[in-house]
C-alpha atoms as a PDB file:
ATOM      1  CA  MET A   1      48.257  60.009  11.986  1.00  0.00           C
ATOM      2  CA  SER A   2      45.919  57.602  10.231  1.00  0.00           C
ATOM      3  CA  LYS A   3      42.112  57.835  10.038  1.00  0.00           C
ATOM      4  CA  LEU A   4      40.356  55.473  12.348  1.00  0.00           C
ATOM      5  CA  ILE A   5      38.080  52.860  10.922  1.00  0.00           C
ATOM      6  CA  THR A   6      34.740  52.952  12.524  1.00  0.00           C
ATOM      7  CA  ILE A   7      31.744  50.712  13.110  1.00  0.00           C
ATOM      8  CA  LYS A   8      28.684  52.386  11.734  1.00  0.00           C
ATOM      9  CA  SER A   9      25.818  49.956  11.326  1.00  0.00           C
ATOM     10  CA  ASN A  10      23.457  48.902  14.252  1.00  0.00           C
ATOM     11  CA  ARG A  11      23.882  45.315  13.135  1.00  0.00           C
ATOM     12  CA  GLU A  12      27.627  45.363  13.756  1.00  0.00           C
ATOM     13  CA  PHE A  13      27.186  47.073  17.147  1.00  0.00           C
ATOM     14  CA  GLN A  14      24.665  44.414  18.173  1.00  0.00           C
ATOM     15  CA  ASN A  15      26.918  41.576  16.946  1.00  0.00           C
ATOM     16  CA  VAL A  16      29.778  42.977  19.149  1.00  0.00           C
ATOM     17  CA  TYR A  17      27.488  43.386  22.153  1.00  0.00           C
ATOM     18  CA  ARG A  18      26.028  39.740  21.887  1.00  0.00           C
ATOM     19  CA  LYS A  19      29.065  37.706  20.954  1.00  0.00           C
ATOM     20  CA  GLY A  20      31.931  39.664  22.250  1.00  0.00           C
ATOM     21  CA  LYS A  21      33.919  39.726  25.530  1.00  0.00           C
ATOM     22  CA  TYR A  22      33.835  42.857  27.602  1.00  0.00           C
ATOM     23  CA  ALA A  23      35.529  44.653  30.530  1.00  0.00           C
ATOM     24  CA  VAL A  24      34.071  47.265  32.713  1.00  0.00           C
ATOM     25  CA  SER A  25      35.608  50.097  34.691  1.00  0.00           C
ATOM     26  CA  LYS A  26      34.074  52.987  36.819  1.00  0.00           C
ATOM     27  CA  SER A  27      33.213  55.154  33.694  1.00  0.00           C
ATOM     28  CA  LEU A  28      33.915  53.045  30.595  1.00  0.00           C
ATOM     29  CA  THR A  29      32.934  49.556  29.159  1.00  0.00           C
ATOM     30  CA  VAL A  30      34.839  48.042  26.293  1.00  0.00           C
ATOM     31  CA  TYR A  31      33.271  45.278  24.253  1.00  0.00           C
ATOM     32  CA  MET A  32      35.714  43.258  22.014  1.00  0.00           C
ATOM     33  CA  LEU A  33      35.129  40.711  19.101  1.00  0.00           C
ATOM     34  CA  PRO A  34      37.548  39.198  16.692  1.00  0.00           C
ATOM     35  CA  ASN A  35      36.738  40.478  13.119  1.00  0.00           C
ATOM     36  CA  ASN A  36      39.170  38.396  10.885  1.00  0.00           C
ATOM     37  CA  LEU A  37      40.553  41.547   9.297  1.00  0.00           C
ATOM     38  CA  ASP A  38      43.946  42.942   9.312  1.00  0.00           C
ATOM     39  CA  PHE A  39      42.948  46.088  11.235  1.00  0.00           C
ATOM     40  CA  ASN A  40      40.828  47.166  14.131  1.00  0.00           C
ATOM     41  CA  ARG A  41      37.507  48.927  14.056  1.00  0.00           C
ATOM     42  CA  ILE A  42      36.044  51.085  16.695  1.00  0.00           C
ATOM     43  CA  GLY A  43      32.616  52.325  17.660  1.00  0.00           C
ATOM     44  CA  ILE A  44      31.872  54.785  20.546  1.00  0.00           C
ATOM     45  CA  THR A  45      28.574  55.249  22.209  1.00  0.00           C
ATOM     46  CA  ALA A  46      27.235  57.446  25.124  1.00  0.00           C
ATOM     47  CA  SER A  47      23.555  57.063  26.050  1.00  0.00           C
ATOM     48  CA  LYS A  48      21.193  60.024  26.752  1.00  0.00           C
ATOM     49  CA  ASN A  49      21.382  59.366  30.495  1.00  0.00           C
ATOM     50  CA  TYR A  50      25.092  60.400  30.280  1.00  0.00           C
ATOM     51  CA  GLY A  51      23.998  64.001  29.840  1.00  0.00           C
ATOM     52  CA  LYS A  52      22.981  66.385  27.096  1.00  0.00           C
ATOM     53  CA  SER A  53      24.599  66.368  23.686  1.00  0.00           C
ATOM     54  CA  VAL A  54      27.511  68.677  24.835  1.00  0.00           C
ATOM     55  CA  LYS A  55      28.580  66.166  27.419  1.00  0.00           C
ATOM     56  CA  ARG A  56      28.104  63.188  25.150  1.00  0.00           C
ATOM     57  CA  ASN A  57      30.106  64.691  22.379  1.00  0.00           C
ATOM     58  CA  ARG A  58      32.937  65.653  24.677  1.00  0.00           C
ATOM     59  CA  ILE A  59      33.247  62.223  26.211  1.00  0.00           C
ATOM     60  CA  ARG A  60      33.262  60.691  22.668  1.00  0.00           C
ATOM     61  CA  ARG A  61      36.023  63.064  21.627  1.00  0.00           C
ATOM     62  CA  LEU A  62      38.021  62.161  24.682  1.00  0.00           C
ATOM     63  CA  ILE A  63      37.579  58.457  24.063  1.00  0.00           C
ATOM     64  CA  ARG A  64      38.580  58.877  20.426  1.00  0.00           C
ATOM     65  CA  GLU A  65      41.742  60.729  21.276  1.00  0.00           C
ATOM     66  CA  SER A  66      42.690  58.224  23.924  1.00  0.00           C
ATOM     67  CA  TYR A  67      42.091  55.369  21.612  1.00  0.00           C
ATOM     68  CA  ARG A  68      44.292  57.117  19.007  1.00  0.00           C
ATOM     69  CA  ALA A  69      47.137  57.246  21.574  1.00  0.00           C
ATOM     70  CA  ILE A  70      46.831  53.496  22.380  1.00  0.00           C
ATOM     71  CA  HIS A  71      45.926  51.993  19.061  1.00  0.00           C
ATOM     72  CA  GLU A  72      49.437  51.517  17.882  1.00  0.00           C
ATOM     73  CA  ASN A  73      50.088  49.023  20.843  1.00  0.00           C
ATOM     74  CA  LEU A  74      46.993  47.010  20.311  1.00  0.00           C
ATOM     75  CA  LYS A  75      46.827  43.594  18.551  1.00  0.00           C
ATOM     76  CA  THR A  76      44.992  43.697  15.184  1.00  0.00           C
ATOM     77  CA  GLY A  77      41.902  42.030  14.033  1.00  0.00           C
ATOM     78  CA  TYR A  78      39.234  43.125  16.608  1.00  0.00           C
ATOM     79  CA  ASP A  79      36.155  45.146  16.706  1.00  0.00           C
ATOM     80  CA  PHE A  80      35.874  47.336  19.772  1.00  0.00           C
ATOM     81  CA  VAL A  81      32.818  49.135  21.025  1.00  0.00           C
ATOM     82  CA  ILE A  82      33.443  51.586  23.812  1.00  0.00           C
ATOM     83  CA  VAL A  83      30.503  52.651  25.926  1.00  0.00           C
ATOM     84  CA  ALA A  84      30.601  55.784  28.209  1.00  0.00           C
ATOM     85  CA  ARG A  85      29.056  55.081  31.574  1.00  0.00           C
ATOM     86  CA  LYS A  86      27.284  57.718  33.761  1.00  0.00           C
ATOM     87  CA  ARG A  87      29.658  59.256  36.227  1.00  0.00           C
ATOM     88  CA  ASN A  88      29.012  61.520  39.257  1.00  0.00           C
ATOM     89  CA  GLU A  89      27.634  64.888  38.464  1.00  0.00           C
ATOM     90  CA  ASN A  90      30.806  66.383  40.056  1.00  0.00           C
ATOM     91  CA  ASP A  91      33.357  64.130  38.348  1.00  0.00           C
ATOM     92  CA  GLU A  92      34.335  65.785  35.017  1.00  0.00           C
ATOM     93  CA  PRO A  93      36.012  63.543  32.546  1.00  0.00           C
ATOM     94  CA  ASN A  94      39.496  64.618  31.185  1.00  0.00           C
ATOM     95  CA  PHE A  95      42.014  63.028  28.837  1.00  0.00           C
ATOM     96  CA  HIS A  96      44.355  61.435  31.469  1.00  0.00           C
ATOM     97  CA  LYS A  97      41.454  59.601  33.384  1.00  0.00           C
ATOM     98  CA  THR A  98      40.053  58.443  30.142  1.00  0.00           C
ATOM     99  CA  TYR A  99      43.393  57.278  28.688  1.00  0.00           C
ATOM    100  CA  ARG A 100      44.282  55.405  31.967  1.00  0.00           C
ATOM    101  CA  GLU A 101      40.874  53.727  32.065  1.00  0.00           C
ATOM    102  CA  LEU A 102      40.997  52.705  28.410  1.00  0.00           C
ATOM    103  CA  ARG A 103      44.617  51.392  28.801  1.00  0.00           C
ATOM    104  CA  TYR A 104      43.526  49.346  31.829  1.00  0.00           C
ATOM    105  CA  LEU A 105      40.508  47.840  30.088  1.00  0.00           C
ATOM    106  CA  PHE A 106      42.548  46.792  27.051  1.00  0.00           C
ATOM    107  CA  LYS A 107      45.035  45.347  29.302  1.00  0.00           C
ATOM    108  CA  THR A 108      42.326  43.251  31.046  1.00  0.00           C
ATOM    109  CA  LEU A 109      41.006  42.129  27.649  1.00  0.00           C
ATOM    110  CA  ASP A 110      44.543  41.043  26.799  1.00  0.00           C
ATOM    111  CA  VAL A 111      44.864  42.948  23.541  1.00  0.00           C
ATOM    112  CA  LEU A 112      47.453  45.304  24.627  1.00  0.00           C
ATOM    113  CA  ASP A 113      51.003  44.528  23.253  1.00  0.00           C
ATOM    114  CA  ARG A 114      53.937  45.084  25.442  1.00  0.00           C
ATOM    115  CA  LYS A 115      56.149  47.310  23.354  1.00  0.00           C
END
């Protein structure tokens, strides 16, 4: 299992937000921008209205693991920023829901290779 290459600087996040395409689902938003590199980079955010730090860290871990399961089937050369959107108070996120939504969003953005 390889280490994920992440986006760290605020400037890179803002660049993806401003210039990139995006797709929205019930609980996730994925922004995508070509990066002219031979690999993909990922950034994950969850705002403070998502919940306290425990909830935010949990959804970030779920998104990271879902991305790890999918990233082999993605086209290369993109920056992705995945934003966790606020859910219902009763709707607890789990791996399978997050995986399905992320896969759907990548398919919508046309970066999911059929293998």
